[in-house]
Every structure is written in structure tokens, then in C-alpha cells.
C-alpha atoms as a PDB file:
ATOM      1  CA  ALA A   1      73.277  29.681  85.736  1.00  0.00           C
ATOM      2  CA  SER A   2      70.724  26.866  85.763  1.00  0.00           C
ATOM      3  CA  ARG A   3      72.183  25.521  89.017  1.00  0.00           C
ATOM      4  CA  LEU A   4      71.466  28.715  90.899  1.00  0.00           C
ATOM      5  CA  ARG A   5      68.315  28.960  92.937  1.00  0.00           C
ATOM      6  CA  LYS A   6      66.771  31.645  95.050  1.00  0.00           C
ATOM      7  CA  ILE A   7      67.090  31.111  98.782  1.00  0.00           C
ATOM      8  CA  ASP A   8      64.297  32.309 101.010  1.00  0.00           C
ATOM      9  CA  ASN A   9      64.445  32.819 104.768  1.00  0.00           C
ATOM     10  CA  SER A  10      62.687  29.529 105.463  1.00  0.00           C
ATOM     11  CA  ASP A  11      65.835  27.688 104.329  1.00  0.00           C
ATOM     12  CA  PHE A  12      67.714  28.813 107.425  1.00  0.00           C
ATOM     13  CA  PRO A  13      66.798  28.360 111.081  1.00  0.00           C
ATOM     14  CA  GLU A  14      66.191  31.498 113.121  1.00  0.00           C
ATOM     15  CA  ILE A  15      69.274  32.497 115.105  1.00  0.00           C
ATOM     16  CA  PRO A  16      68.260  33.024 118.722  1.00  0.00           C
ATOM     17  CA  LYS A  17      68.943  36.482 120.114  1.00  0.00           C
ATOM     18  CA  ILE A  18      68.648  38.090 123.517  1.00  0.00           C
ATOM     19  CA  SER A  19      65.639  40.386 123.623  1.00  0.00           C
ATOM     20  CA  LEU A  20      66.145  44.118 123.433  1.00  0.00           C
ATOM     21  CA  SER A  21      64.370  44.559 126.770  1.00  0.00           C
ATOM     22  CA  ALA A  22      66.720  42.076 128.461  1.00  0.00           C
ATOM     23  CA  ARG A  23      69.757  43.799 126.962  1.00  0.00           C
ATOM     24  CA  GLN A  24      68.494  47.149 128.199  1.00  0.00           C
ATOM     25  CA  ALA A  25      67.676  45.746 131.643  1.00  0.00           C
ATOM     26  CA  ILE A  26      71.240  44.498 132.068  1.00  0.00           C
ATOM     27  CA  ALA A  27      72.729  47.818 130.962  1.00  0.00           C
ATOM     28  CA  GLN A  28      70.304  49.918 133.036  1.00  0.00           C
ATOM     29  CA  GLY A  29      70.745  47.739 136.111  1.00  0.00           C
ATOM     30  CA  ARG A  30      74.497  47.991 135.789  1.00  0.00           C
ATOM     31  CA  THR A  31      74.494  51.765 135.378  1.00  0.00           C
ATOM     32  CA  ALA A  32      72.010  52.156 138.260  1.00  0.00           C
ATOM     33  CA  LYS A  33      74.605  50.438 140.455  1.00  0.00           C
ATOM     34  CA  SER A  34      77.309  52.730 138.988  1.00  0.00           C
ATOM     35  CA  MET A  35      79.164  49.699 137.673  1.00  0.00           C
ATOM     36  CA  THR A  36      81.227  49.376 134.539  1.00  0.00           C
ATOM     37  CA  GLN A  37      80.983  46.303 132.349  1.00  0.00           C
ATOM     38  CA  LYS A  38      84.384  45.278 133.713  1.00  0.00           C
ATOM     39  CA  GLU A  39      83.204  45.561 137.331  1.00  0.00           C
ATOM     40  CA  LEU A  40      80.072  43.522 136.632  1.00  0.00           C
ATOM     41  CA  ALA A  41      82.175  40.912 134.859  1.00  0.00           C
ATOM     42  CA  GLN A  42      84.507  40.692 137.857  1.00  0.00           C
ATOM     43  CA  LYS A  43      81.578  40.125 140.231  1.00  0.00           C
ATOM     44  CA  LEU A  44      80.291  37.361 137.944  1.00  0.00           C
ATOM     45  CA  ASN A  45      83.764  35.856 137.359  1.00  0.00           C
ATOM     46  CA  VAL A  46      83.588  36.230 133.575  1.00  0.00           C
ATOM     47  CA  LYS A  47      85.572  38.217 131.041  1.00  0.00           C
ATOM     48  CA  PRO A  48      84.363  41.775 130.378  1.00  0.00           C
ATOM     49  CA  ASN A  49      83.693  41.012 126.714  1.00  0.00           C
ATOM     50  CA  ILE A  50      80.985  38.544 127.824  1.00  0.00           C
ATOM     51  CA  ILE A  51      78.989  41.374 129.422  1.00  0.00           C
ATOM     52  CA  GLN A  52      79.615  43.559 126.394  1.00  0.00           C
ATOM     53  CA  ASP A  53      78.367  40.805 124.072  1.00  0.00           C
ATOM     54  CA  TYR A  54      75.179  40.370 126.132  1.00  0.00           C
ATOM     55  CA  GLU A  55      74.457  44.097 126.141  1.00  0.00           C
ATOM     56  CA  ASN A  56      75.133  44.328 122.386  1.00  0.00           C
ATOM     57  CA  GLY A  57      73.006  41.293 121.593  1.00  0.00           C
ATOM     58  CA  LYS A  58      75.887  39.230 120.231  1.00  0.00           C
ATOM     59  CA  ALA A  59      75.539  36.482 122.846  1.00  0.00           C
ATOM     60  CA  ILE A  60      72.691  34.916 124.771  1.00  0.00           C
ATOM     61  CA  PRO A  61      73.009  34.201 128.486  1.00  0.00           C
ATOM     62  CA  ASP A  62      71.413  30.998 129.724  1.00  0.00           C
ATOM     63  CA  SER A  63      68.762  31.155 132.442  1.00  0.00           C
ATOM     64  CA  GLN A  64      71.250  30.328 135.207  1.00  0.00           C
ATOM     65  CA  PHE A  65      73.518  33.182 134.191  1.00  0.00           C
ATOM     66  CA  ILE A  66      70.574  35.566 133.960  1.00  0.00           C
ATOM     67  CA  SER A  67      69.743  34.616 137.559  1.00  0.00           C
ATOM     68  CA  ARG A  68      73.317  35.414 138.602  1.00  0.00           C
ATOM     69  CA  ILE A  69      73.127  38.804 136.882  1.00  0.00           C
ATOM     70  CA  GLU A  70      69.779  39.514 138.581  1.00  0.00           C
ATOM     71  CA  LYS A  71      71.263  38.766 142.013  1.00  0.00           C
ATOM     72  CA  VAL A  72      74.285  41.003 141.477  1.00  0.00           C
ATOM     73  CA  LEU A  73      72.271  43.872 140.000  1.00  0.00           C
ATOM     74  CA  GLU A  74      69.281  43.329 142.325  1.00  0.00           C
ATOM     75  CA  THR A  75      66.877  43.718 139.431  1.00  0.00           C
ATOM     76  CA  LYS A  76      64.622  41.538 137.331  1.00  0.00           C
ATOM     77  CA  ILE A  77      65.636  40.806 133.751  1.00  0.00           C
ATOM     78  CA  ASN A  78      62.869  39.612 131.509  1.00  0.00           C
ATOM     79  CA  GLY A  79      63.752  37.555 128.460  1.00  0.00           C
ATOM     80  CA  LYS A  80      64.482  34.217 130.079  1.00  0.00           C
END
């Protein structure tokens, strides 16, 4: 038991996450265009689970991919 020590949050680096507003902007932009996640993925030449992961906050798109999404959805996504 003497080898155990309490771990605080400062021991681990912060895991980057896509902002809630960016996630919502992608989903709202997609639904405004009456597109499914699969249709958006096809237009961006990625697998549908990529779009799902972005909207659920499980993955983080890079700035170039955010620009591609903005062009397809014709909307601005903050959170770059």
C-alpha cells in the first residue's frame, strides 16, 4: 500500500476536443441542407463514421478539413 499514490489531473495532459459549438454547427449545417451524415461523408470523400465522430466529439477535424466542411455546408464553423 505504501507504493500507491494519489494521482491528480495535473499528471495527465488535457485531451483536445472539438468544441460543442463546432459540433453543433456541423450538425445544424448538415440538417439545414437536408443531408444525412452519410451524404455529407460522400461529398467529403470520407467514411460516414468520421462525420459521426466529429458530431459526437470523439474526433477533432484539422483546420483544412473544417474548411472543406464549411464549403460543402456553406456555413461558418467556429472552433478552428
